Amino acid sequence: MSSDVRVSRLSKAYVDFADHEAGPRSPLYAEICRGIATDTELLTRLADLPPDKQQPNLLLAAAKYLFGTARD
């Protein structure tokens, strides 16, 4: 599978996560996921990882671990 196809699928996965999983519970996480979905450079890096490491909730958990909980 080409890199462009993998990036496109991953972008859609992050938009779907934002719309269906994060949106109802966390507008901030939904906004972050929508931003990731438009960031080709980040998506390309994520696409190089094994599929089980590309999950939006895993990336969000890592960001929370590194930067803490958002205050607003």
N, C-alpha and C. Protein backbone atom coordinates (compact mmCIF):
# COMPACT_ATOMS: atom_id res chain seq x y z
N MET A 1 0.85 -1.18 0.00
CA MET A 1 0.00 0.00 0.00
C MET A 1 0.89 1.24 0.00
N SER A 2 0.55 2.21 -0.82
CA SER A 2 1.38 3.41 -0.93
C SER A 2 1.25 4.27 0.32
N SER A 3 2.25 5.11 0.51
CA SER A 3 2.27 6.01 1.66
C SER A 3 1.08 6.97 1.63
N ASP A 4 0.72 7.46 0.43
CA ASP A 4 -0.41 8.39 0.31
C ASP A 4 -1.72 7.74 0.75
N VAL A 5 -1.90 6.48 0.40
CA VAL A 5 -3.12 5.76 0.79
C VAL A 5 -3.15 5.56 2.30
N ARG A 6 -2.00 5.18 2.88
CA ARG A 6 -1.94 4.98 4.33
C ARG A 6 -2.22 6.28 5.07
N VAL A 7 -1.66 7.38 4.59
CA VAL A 7 -1.87 8.69 5.22
C VAL A 7 -3.34 9.10 5.09
N SER A 8 -3.93 8.88 3.94
CA SER A 8 -5.34 9.22 3.72
C SER A 8 -6.24 8.41 4.66
N ARG A 9 -5.99 7.13 4.79
CA ARG A 9 -6.79 6.29 5.69
C ARG A 9 -6.61 6.72 7.14
N LEU A 10 -5.40 7.06 7.50
CA LEU A 10 -5.13 7.49 8.87
C LEU A 10 -5.81 8.83 9.16
N SER A 11 -5.81 9.73 8.19
CA SER A 11 -6.49 11.01 8.34
C SER A 11 -7.98 10.78 8.58
N LYS A 12 -8.58 9.90 7.81
CA LYS A 12 -10.00 9.59 7.99
C LYS A 12 -10.25 8.97 9.36
N ALA A 13 -9.35 8.12 9.82
CA ALA A 13 -9.51 7.50 11.14
C ALA A 13 -9.50 8.56 12.25
N TYR A 14 -8.64 9.56 12.11
CA TYR A 14 -8.58 10.62 13.13
C TYR A 14 -9.83 11.52 13.07
N VAL A 15 -10.35 11.78 11.88
CA VAL A 15 -11.58 12.55 11.76
C VAL A 15 -12.75 11.75 12.35
N ASP A 16 -12.82 10.47 12.03
CA ASP A 16 -13.88 9.63 12.57
C ASP A 16 -13.81 9.57 14.09
N PHE A 17 -12.61 9.45 14.62
CA PHE A 17 -12.44 9.43 16.08
C PHE A 17 -12.92 10.75 16.68
N ALA A 18 -12.56 11.85 16.04
CA ALA A 18 -12.98 13.17 16.52
C ALA A 18 -14.50 13.29 16.51
N ASP A 19 -15.12 12.83 15.45
CA ASP A 19 -16.57 12.98 15.29
C ASP A 19 -17.38 12.03 16.17
N HIS A 20 -16.92 10.81 16.32
CA HIS A 20 -17.75 9.79 16.95
C HIS A 20 -17.31 9.38 18.35
N GLU A 21 -16.05 9.53 18.66
CA GLU A 21 -15.55 9.10 19.97
C GLU A 21 -15.24 10.29 20.88
N ALA A 22 -14.38 11.17 20.42
CA ALA A 22 -13.91 12.27 21.26
C ALA A 22 -14.93 13.40 21.35
N GLY A 23 -15.56 13.73 20.25
CA GLY A 23 -16.45 14.89 20.19
C GLY A 23 -17.49 14.95 21.29
N PRO A 24 -18.24 13.87 21.48
CA PRO A 24 -19.28 13.92 22.53
C PRO A 24 -18.72 14.06 23.95
N ARG A 25 -17.49 13.63 24.15
CA ARG A 25 -16.92 13.63 25.51
C ARG A 25 -15.89 14.72 25.73
N SER A 26 -15.11 15.02 24.70
CA SER A 26 -14.02 15.97 24.88
C SER A 26 -13.84 16.83 23.62
N PRO A 27 -14.39 18.02 23.62
CA PRO A 27 -14.19 18.91 22.47
C PRO A 27 -12.72 19.19 22.20
N LEU A 28 -11.90 19.25 23.25
CA LEU A 28 -10.47 19.49 23.06
C LEU A 28 -9.82 18.35 22.30
N TYR A 29 -10.08 17.11 22.70
CA TYR A 29 -9.51 15.96 22.00
C TYR A 29 -10.02 15.89 20.57
N ALA A 30 -11.27 16.24 20.35
CA ALA A 30 -11.81 16.25 18.99
C ALA A 30 -11.07 17.29 18.14
N GLU A 31 -10.83 18.45 18.71
CA GLU A 31 -10.11 19.50 17.99
C GLU A 31 -8.67 19.06 17.67
N ILE A 32 -8.02 18.44 18.62
CA ILE A 32 -6.65 17.95 18.39
C ILE A 32 -6.65 16.92 17.27
N CYS A 33 -7.59 15.98 17.31
CA CYS A 33 -7.64 14.94 16.28
C CYS A 33 -7.93 15.52 14.90
N ARG A 34 -8.79 16.52 14.84
CA ARG A 34 -9.05 17.16 13.54
C ARG A 34 -7.80 17.88 13.02
N GLY A 35 -7.03 18.45 13.93
CA GLY A 35 -5.77 19.08 13.54
C GLY A 35 -4.77 18.06 13.03
N ILE A 36 -4.69 16.94 13.71
CA ILE A 36 -3.78 15.87 13.28
C ILE A 36 -4.20 15.37 11.90
N ALA A 37 -5.50 15.27 11.67
CA ALA A 37 -6.01 14.76 10.40
C ALA A 37 -5.60 15.62 9.21
N THR A 38 -5.22 16.87 9.46
CA THR A 38 -4.80 17.76 8.37
C THR A 38 -3.29 17.96 8.32
N ASP A 39 -2.56 17.32 9.22
CA ASP A 39 -1.11 17.49 9.31
C ASP A 39 -0.41 16.33 8.59
N THR A 40 -0.11 16.52 7.32
CA THR A 40 0.46 15.45 6.50
C THR A 40 1.78 14.93 7.06
N GLU A 41 2.61 15.82 7.57
CA GLU A 41 3.90 15.39 8.11
C GLU A 41 3.72 14.46 9.31
N LEU A 42 2.85 14.82 10.23
CA LEU A 42 2.60 13.98 11.39
C LEU A 42 1.94 12.67 10.98
N LEU A 43 0.98 12.73 10.08
CA LEU A 43 0.32 11.52 9.61
C LEU A 43 1.30 10.57 8.93
N THR A 44 2.24 11.12 8.20
CA THR A 44 3.26 10.29 7.55
C THR A 44 4.10 9.56 8.58
N ARG A 45 4.47 10.26 9.64
CA ARG A 45 5.23 9.62 10.73
C ARG A 45 4.40 8.54 11.42
N LEU A 46 3.14 8.85 11.68
CA LEU A 46 2.26 7.86 12.31
C LEU A 46 2.07 6.65 11.40
N ALA A 47 1.95 6.87 10.10
CA ALA A 47 1.73 5.77 9.15
C ALA A 47 2.92 4.82 9.10
N ASP A 48 4.09 5.28 9.50
CA ASP A 48 5.28 4.43 9.53
C ASP A 48 5.32 3.51 10.75
N LEU A 49 4.46 3.79 11.73
CA LEU A 49 4.40 2.96 12.94
C LEU A 49 3.55 1.73 12.67
N PRO A 50 3.71 0.69 13.51
CA PRO A 50 2.82 -0.46 13.39
C PRO A 50 1.36 -0.01 13.59
N PRO A 51 0.40 -0.65 12.94
CA PRO A 51 -1.00 -0.21 13.03
C PRO A 51 -1.52 -0.05 14.46
N ASP A 52 -1.11 -0.91 15.37
CA ASP A 52 -1.63 -0.79 16.74
C ASP A 52 -1.01 0.38 17.50
N LYS A 53 -0.06 1.07 16.91
CA LYS A 53 0.54 2.26 17.53
C LYS A 53 0.05 3.55 16.89
N GLN A 54 -0.87 3.46 15.94
CA GLN A 54 -1.37 4.63 15.22
C GLN A 54 -2.68 5.17 15.79
N GLN A 55 -3.20 4.55 16.81
CA GLN A 55 -4.51 4.87 17.35
C GLN A 55 -4.58 6.28 17.93
N PRO A 56 -5.66 6.99 17.64
CA PRO A 56 -5.81 8.34 18.21
C PRO A 56 -5.75 8.36 19.74
N ASN A 57 -6.41 7.41 20.38
CA ASN A 57 -6.44 7.44 21.85
C ASN A 57 -5.05 7.20 22.43
N LEU A 58 -4.20 6.46 21.74
CA LEU A 58 -2.83 6.24 22.21
C LEU A 58 -2.01 7.53 22.09
N LEU A 59 -2.16 8.23 20.98
CA LEU A 59 -1.45 9.50 20.80
C LEU A 59 -1.93 10.54 21.81
N LEU A 60 -3.24 10.59 22.04
CA LEU A 60 -3.78 11.54 23.01
C LEU A 60 -3.30 11.21 24.43
N ALA A 61 -3.23 9.94 24.77
CA ALA A 61 -2.73 9.54 26.09
C ALA A 61 -1.27 9.93 26.26
N ALA A 62 -0.48 9.76 25.20
CA ALA A 62 0.93 10.14 25.27
C ALA A 62 1.07 11.65 25.46
N ALA A 63 0.26 12.42 24.75
CA ALA A 63 0.30 13.88 24.90
C ALA A 63 -0.10 14.29 26.32
N LYS A 64 -1.12 13.64 26.85
CA LYS A 64 -1.55 13.95 28.22
C LYS A 64 -0.44 13.59 29.22
N TYR A 65 0.23 12.48 28.99
CA TYR A 65 1.32 12.05 29.87
C TYR A 65 2.46 13.07 29.82
N LEU A 66 2.80 13.52 28.63
CA LEU A 66 3.92 14.44 28.48
C LEU A 66 3.62 15.86 28.93
N PHE A 67 2.38 16.33 28.68
CA PHE A 67 2.06 17.73 28.89
C PHE A 67 1.04 17.99 30.00
N GLY A 68 0.48 16.93 30.57
CA GLY A 68 -0.49 17.08 31.64
C GLY A 68 -1.89 17.29 31.12
N THR A 69 -2.80 17.43 32.05
CA THR A 69 -4.21 17.62 31.74
C THR A 69 -4.47 19.09 31.40
N ALA A 70 -5.26 19.30 30.36
CA ALA A 70 -5.63 20.67 29.98
C ALA A 70 -6.45 21.31 31.08
N ARG A 71 -6.23 22.57 31.33
CA ARG A 71 -6.95 23.26 32.39
C ARG A 71 -8.29 23.79 31.96
N ASP A 72 -8.45 24.06 30.68
CA ASP A 72 -9.72 24.58 30.17
C ASP A 72 -10.29 23.61 29.15
